[in-house]
């Protein structure tokens, strides 16, 4: 099939047709987040039109500080005021979430961007134990995100009332529908409306759905791959049930050895090797995607498990 034919078919449908895996595809460097409610319309890239200069300056400063920025909106109502702002840190072992409702987005000028960029709570809002569920519906960025994302957002909103938000591009158009949860930063992809019920149950229980798991934001791709393979082998589905300890390359073929802690006391090492996927076809519907890594990881070996209590 030609690249033009690929775009007509849709990148998410083609991912399914080519049976490309979803695991090990979460963003590797995202550990600090700024989620700002805005009713739209959202342009393909950049901030929406009509924002005050104070808001734009904070938005740009956050990007320069390495903060992952998302415009969000409720699935059933769109409002211009008041609006909700979340800041979050998803670094493994140090996750947190803050929430604040503001009457004017210019209040963002009070955000301590430097502290947020370090992955620490900036104190802009109140710490909260709630969960936030984002579903990418950014159709102007890629039509698949709207085509697949909006039905999933609607189903999840019925199952998880008050927790679900539509969001701008979260990365990985071809894995639509994409769902990201906070404060853990876990990505699920390839979600269909029929998956929404089981995904909602898993999210409420603090678990992952392994065959839809893209990975955890902020972890290197080989570590995400090892996490996936360990979960499948050992049946560990709790979000925090697998903790990476260390990883290092071995050999000359790109193989990486990843040491993991499972649950409270079992260690294992997973060896994974990168493999390029088929080249020469479009990953997003709208054209070239410079951030669209086209690599997956094959399982090479498991090292014998070790009980740390022994």
Protein backbone atom coordinates (compact mmCIF):
# COMPACT_ATOMS: atom_id res chain seq x y z
CA UNK A 1 0.00 0.00 0.00
CA UNK A 2 1.29 3.49 -0.84
CA UNK A 3 1.87 6.19 1.74
CA UNK A 4 -1.09 8.10 0.28
CA UNK A 5 -3.26 4.99 0.62
CA UNK A 6 -2.10 4.66 4.20
CA UNK A 7 -3.36 8.15 5.04
CA UNK A 8 -6.75 7.43 3.49
CA UNK A 9 -7.09 4.26 5.54
CA UNK A 10 -6.07 6.01 8.74
CA UNK A 11 -2.93 5.46 10.76
CA UNK A 12 -4.68 3.74 13.69
CA UNK A 13 -6.50 1.29 11.43
CA UNK A 14 -3.24 0.56 9.63
CA UNK A 15 -1.43 -0.10 12.90
CA UNK A 16 -4.01 -2.78 13.59
CA UNK A 17 -3.73 -4.17 10.06
CA UNK A 18 0.05 -4.40 10.34
CA UNK A 19 -0.25 -5.79 13.89
CA UNK A 20 2.20 -3.28 15.29
CA UNK A 21 2.52 -3.64 19.08
CA UNK A 22 1.59 -0.79 21.42
CA UNK A 23 3.98 -1.52 24.30
CA UNK A 24 7.14 0.53 24.97
CA UNK A 25 5.76 3.62 23.21
CA UNK A 26 5.01 6.05 26.06
CA UNK A 27 7.04 9.32 26.06
CA UNK A 28 10.43 8.68 27.60
CA UNK A 29 11.10 12.13 29.08
CA UNK A 30 7.71 13.29 30.41
CA UNK A 31 7.73 13.52 34.22
CA UNK A 32 6.24 17.00 34.86
CA UNK A 33 2.85 18.03 33.49
CA UNK A 34 0.62 21.08 33.13
CA UNK A 35 -3.02 20.37 32.22
CA UNK A 36 -5.13 23.46 31.51
CA UNK A 37 -8.84 23.46 30.75
CA UNK A 38 -9.77 25.19 27.49
CA UNK A 39 -13.00 24.59 25.54
CA UNK A 40 -11.35 24.86 22.12
CA UNK A 41 -11.14 24.96 19.22
CA UNK A 42 -7.60 23.60 19.51
CA UNK A 43 -5.29 24.27 16.55
CA UNK A 44 -3.17 21.47 15.12
CA UNK A 45 -0.15 22.81 17.01
CA UNK A 46 0.47 25.60 19.47
CA UNK A 47 -1.89 27.31 21.92
CA UNK A 48 -5.47 28.29 21.09
CA UNK A 49 -6.19 31.75 19.73
CA UNK A 50 -7.13 34.68 21.91
CA UNK A 51 -5.10 33.89 25.01
CA UNK A 52 -3.74 36.70 27.14
CA UNK A 53 -0.04 37.46 26.99
CA UNK A 54 0.45 36.33 30.59
CA UNK A 55 -0.94 32.91 29.73
CA UNK A 56 1.20 32.54 26.63
CA UNK A 57 4.35 33.46 28.54
CA UNK A 58 3.69 30.81 31.20
CA UNK A 59 2.84 28.23 28.54
CA UNK A 60 6.06 28.90 26.66
CA UNK A 61 8.15 28.97 29.84
CA UNK A 62 6.73 25.61 30.90
CA UNK A 63 7.71 24.11 27.57
CA UNK A 64 11.25 25.45 27.89
CA UNK A 65 11.42 23.94 31.40
CA UNK A 66 10.63 20.48 30.03
CA UNK A 67 7.03 20.38 31.26
CA UNK A 68 4.59 18.33 29.19
CA UNK A 69 1.65 20.66 28.42
CA UNK A 70 -1.91 19.63 27.55
CA UNK A 71 -5.10 21.55 26.88
CA UNK A 72 -8.01 19.60 28.32
CA UNK A 73 -11.80 19.87 28.44
CA UNK A 74 -14.66 17.88 30.00
CA UNK A 75 -16.35 15.41 27.71
CA UNK A 76 -19.89 16.74 28.23
CA UNK A 77 -19.66 20.44 28.84
CA UNK A 78 -17.43 23.14 27.52
CA UNK A 79 -16.98 26.33 29.45
CA UNK A 80 -14.69 29.33 29.34
CA UNK A 81 -14.86 30.09 33.08
CA UNK A 82 -14.14 28.96 35.71
CA UNK A 83 -11.49 26.53 34.51
CA UNK A 84 -9.53 23.71 36.12
CA UNK A 85 -5.74 23.52 36.13
CA UNK A 86 -3.79 20.42 37.12
CA UNK A 87 -0.08 20.16 37.74
CA UNK A 88 1.38 16.68 38.09
CA UNK A 89 4.61 14.81 38.66
CA UNK A 90 4.81 11.27 37.32
CA UNK A 91 8.35 10.31 38.30
CA UNK A 92 8.33 6.71 39.51
CA UNK A 93 8.14 6.57 43.31
CA UNK A 94 7.38 10.29 43.63
CA UNK A 95 4.04 10.90 41.94
CA UNK A 96 1.74 13.75 42.92
CA UNK A 97 -1.18 15.78 41.58
CA UNK A 98 -2.36 19.31 42.34
CA UNK A 99 -5.66 20.87 41.31
CA UNK A 100 -6.86 24.46 41.21
CA UNK A 101 -9.97 26.13 39.79
CA UNK A 102 -9.44 29.67 38.51
CA UNK A 103 -11.84 32.29 37.17
CA UNK A 104 -9.24 33.74 34.82
CA UNK A 105 -6.43 31.91 33.03
CA UNK A 106 -4.20 34.90 33.71
CA UNK A 107 -3.91 33.47 37.23
CA UNK A 108 -1.41 31.05 35.67
CA UNK A 109 1.12 33.86 36.03
CA UNK A 110 1.47 32.75 39.68
CA UNK A 111 2.67 29.26 38.67
CA UNK A 112 6.22 28.43 39.78
CA UNK A 113 7.35 27.00 36.45
CA UNK A 114 10.91 26.28 37.59
CA UNK A 115 9.75 24.09 40.48
CA UNK A 116 7.28 22.26 38.27
CA UNK A 117 9.99 21.70 35.67
CA UNK A 118 12.01 19.91 38.34
CA UNK A 119 9.10 17.52 38.86
CA UNK A 120 8.26 18.96 42.29
CA UNK A 121 4.84 20.25 43.45
CA UNK A 122 4.76 24.00 42.75
CA UNK A 123 1.99 24.69 45.25
CA UNK A 124 -0.16 26.33 42.58
CA UNK A 125 -3.12 24.17 43.59
CA UNK A 126 -4.16 21.86 46.41
CA UNK A 127 -2.73 18.35 46.54
CA UNK A 128 -5.37 15.80 45.64
CA UNK A 129 -5.68 12.03 45.76
CA UNK A 130 -8.12 11.90 42.84
CA UNK A 131 -7.33 10.31 39.53
CA UNK A 132 -7.36 12.15 36.23
CA UNK A 133 -7.98 10.30 32.97
CA UNK A 134 -7.08 11.97 29.67
CA UNK A 135 -8.32 10.74 26.30
CA UNK A 136 -6.70 12.30 23.24
CA UNK A 137 -9.40 13.69 20.91
CA UNK A 138 -7.20 16.17 19.03
CA UNK A 139 -8.73 15.80 15.59
CA UNK A 140 -6.99 18.81 14.05
CA UNK A 141 -3.65 17.20 14.89
CA UNK A 142 -4.69 13.78 13.56
CA UNK A 143 -8.13 12.65 12.48
CA UNK A 144 -7.69 9.22 14.10
CA UNK A 145 -7.49 10.86 17.52
CA UNK A 146 -10.97 12.28 17.08
CA UNK A 147 -12.43 9.29 15.23
CA UNK A 148 -11.30 6.78 17.86
CA UNK A 149 -10.84 9.03 20.88
CA UNK A 150 -14.24 10.68 21.21
CA UNK A 151 -16.32 7.48 21.47
CA UNK A 152 -13.86 6.14 24.07
CA UNK A 153 -13.97 9.40 26.03
CA UNK A 154 -17.75 9.22 26.09
CA UNK A 155 -17.81 5.59 27.31
CA UNK A 156 -15.16 6.21 29.96
CA UNK A 157 -16.98 9.31 31.17
CA UNK A 158 -20.07 7.21 31.80
CA UNK A 159 -18.01 4.68 33.74
CA UNK A 160 -15.79 7.21 35.56
CA UNK A 161 -17.94 10.33 35.99
CA UNK A 162 -15.98 13.44 36.82
CA UNK A 163 -12.56 11.90 36.13
CA UNK A 164 -12.36 11.94 32.34
CA UNK A 165 -11.09 14.82 30.19
CA UNK A 166 -10.56 15.16 26.47
CA UNK A 167 -7.01 16.29 25.69
CA UNK A 168 -4.74 17.60 22.98
CA UNK A 169 -2.05 15.43 21.41
CA UNK A 170 -0.52 13.02 23.95
CA UNK A 171 1.80 11.33 21.44
CA UNK A 172 1.34 8.31 19.17
CA UNK A 173 -1.53 9.02 16.79
CA UNK A 174 -1.44 5.49 15.40
CA UNK A 175 -2.23 4.08 18.85
CA UNK A 176 -5.58 5.89 19.05
CA UNK A 177 -7.56 5.84 21.14
CA UNK A 178 -4.90 6.90 23.64
CA UNK A 179 -5.61 7.15 27.36
CA UNK A 180 -3.24 8.65 29.95
CA UNK A 181 -3.84 8.48 33.70
CA UNK A 182 -2.53 10.65 36.51
CA UNK A 183 -0.73 10.84 38.79
CA UNK A 184 1.02 7.65 37.58
CA UNK A 185 1.56 8.73 33.96
CA UNK A 186 0.53 5.36 32.53
CA UNK A 187 -0.38 5.22 28.83
CA UNK A 188 -2.86 2.77 27.30
CA UNK A 189 -3.35 2.64 23.54
CA UNK A 190 -5.46 0.97 20.90
CA UNK A 191 -8.50 1.41 23.14
CA UNK A 192 -11.90 0.78 21.55
CA UNK A 193 -15.29 1.71 22.98
CA UNK A 194 -15.74 -1.96 23.82
CA UNK A 195 -12.59 -1.82 25.96
CA UNK A 196 -13.82 1.13 28.02
CA UNK A 197 -15.62 -0.87 30.70
CA UNK A 198 -12.71 -3.17 31.52
CA UNK A 199 -10.25 -0.28 31.34
CA UNK A 200 -12.37 1.77 33.75
CA UNK A 201 -12.47 -1.12 36.21
CA UNK A 202 -8.70 -1.50 35.99
CA UNK A 203 -8.05 2.20 36.48
CA UNK A 204 -10.27 2.36 39.56
CA UNK A 205 -8.40 -0.61 41.02
CA UNK A 206 -4.98 0.88 40.27
CA UNK A 207 -4.20 -1.76 37.65
CA UNK A 208 -3.09 -1.81 34.04
CA UNK A 209 -4.59 -3.65 31.07
CA UNK A 210 -1.48 -5.44 29.85
CA UNK A 211 -2.46 -6.00 26.21
CA UNK A 212 -3.29 -2.29 25.83
CA UNK A 213 -0.37 -0.96 27.88
CA UNK A 214 1.85 1.51 26.02
CA UNK A 215 4.05 2.11 29.05
CA UNK A 216 4.79 4.57 31.80
CA UNK A 217 5.85 8.09 30.84
CA UNK A 218 9.37 9.00 31.88
CA UNK A 219 10.86 5.52 31.54
CA UNK A 220 13.29 4.61 28.73
CA UNK A 221 11.68 2.52 26.00
CA UNK A 222 13.71 -0.65 26.76
CA UNK A 223 12.60 -0.43 30.40
CA UNK A 224 8.98 -0.05 29.30
CA UNK A 225 9.39 -3.15 27.14
CA UNK A 226 10.91 -5.16 29.99
CA UNK A 227 8.09 -3.98 32.28
CA UNK A 228 5.55 -5.27 29.77
CA UNK A 229 7.19 -8.67 29.33
CA UNK A 230 7.58 -9.12 33.10
CA UNK A 231 3.91 -8.30 33.68
CA UNK A 232 2.81 -10.82 31.07
CA UNK A 233 5.09 -13.55 32.40
CA UNK A 234 4.30 -13.06 36.08
CA UNK A 235 0.72 -11.80 35.92
CA UNK A 236 1.52 -8.54 37.71
CA UNK A 237 -1.08 -5.91 36.85
CA UNK A 238 -0.90 -3.39 39.70
CA UNK A 239 0.40 -0.07 38.40
CA UNK A 240 3.23 -0.05 40.95
CA UNK A 241 3.71 -3.82 40.91
CA UNK A 242 6.83 -3.58 38.73
CA UNK A 243 9.72 -1.27 39.64
CA UNK A 244 12.82 -0.85 37.46
CA UNK A 245 16.08 -1.04 39.36
CA UNK A 246 18.74 -0.60 36.69
CA UNK A 247 19.36 -1.20 33.02
CA UNK A 248 22.40 -1.44 30.81
CA UNK A 249 23.27 -2.44 27.23
CA UNK A 250 24.86 -5.84 26.68
CA UNK A 251 26.49 -7.07 23.50
CA UNK A 252 26.63 -5.22 20.20
CA UNK A 253 23.13 -5.84 18.81
CA UNK A 254 21.33 -3.29 20.99
CA UNK A 255 20.19 -5.81 23.61
CA UNK A 256 19.46 -4.20 26.98
CA UNK A 257 19.40 -5.99 30.32
CA UNK A 258 16.73 -4.57 32.63
CA UNK A 259 16.59 -5.56 36.27
CA UNK A 260 13.16 -5.28 37.87
CA UNK A 261 11.60 -5.67 41.29
CA UNK A 262 8.25 -7.44 41.23
CA UNK A 263 5.90 -6.81 44.12
CA UNK A 264 7.65 -6.63 47.45
CA UNK A 265 10.57 -8.97 46.98
CA UNK A 266 11.14 -10.80 43.70
CA UNK A 267 13.85 -9.64 41.34
CA UNK A 268 14.18 -10.63 37.72
CA UNK A 269 16.20 -9.52 34.74
CA UNK A 270 14.63 -9.15 31.32
CA UNK A 271 16.71 -8.93 28.15
CA UNK A 272 15.11 -7.02 25.26
CA UNK A 273 16.41 -6.23 21.78
CA UNK A 274 15.19 -3.35 19.55
CA UNK A 275 13.74 -4.17 16.15
CA UNK A 276 12.80 -1.71 13.44
CA UNK A 277 9.26 -1.88 12.15
CA UNK A 278 8.37 -1.69 8.48
CA UNK A 279 9.60 1.54 6.95
CA UNK A 280 8.13 3.68 4.20
CA UNK A 281 4.58 4.22 5.40
CA UNK A 282 2.98 7.16 7.15
CA UNK A 283 2.62 6.98 10.92
CA UNK A 284 0.18 9.88 11.35
CA UNK A 285 -2.68 10.63 8.97
CA UNK A 286 -1.51 14.20 8.45
CA UNK A 287 2.01 13.53 7.18
CA UNK A 288 5.48 12.98 8.57
CA UNK A 289 5.78 12.57 12.34
CA UNK A 290 9.36 13.34 13.42
CA UNK A 291 8.64 12.07 16.94
CA UNK A 292 7.12 8.79 15.77
CA UNK A 293 9.75 6.22 16.68
CA UNK A 294 9.17 3.10 14.58
CA UNK A 295 10.89 0.56 16.79
CA UNK A 296 9.63 -2.25 18.95
CA UNK A 297 11.44 -4.64 21.29
CA UNK A 298 11.71 -8.41 21.13
CA UNK A 299 12.10 -10.53 24.24
CA UNK A 300 15.53 -12.16 24.27
CA UNK A 301 15.54 -13.91 27.65
CA UNK A 302 14.46 -13.91 31.26
CA UNK A 303 17.13 -14.37 33.88
CA UNK A 304 16.25 -16.71 36.71
CA UNK A 305 14.13 -14.94 39.29
CA UNK A 306 15.67 -14.24 42.66
CA UNK A 307 13.78 -13.89 45.92
CA UNK A 308 15.36 -11.00 47.78
CA UNK A 309 14.09 -12.43 51.06
CA UNK A 310 16.06 -15.64 50.54
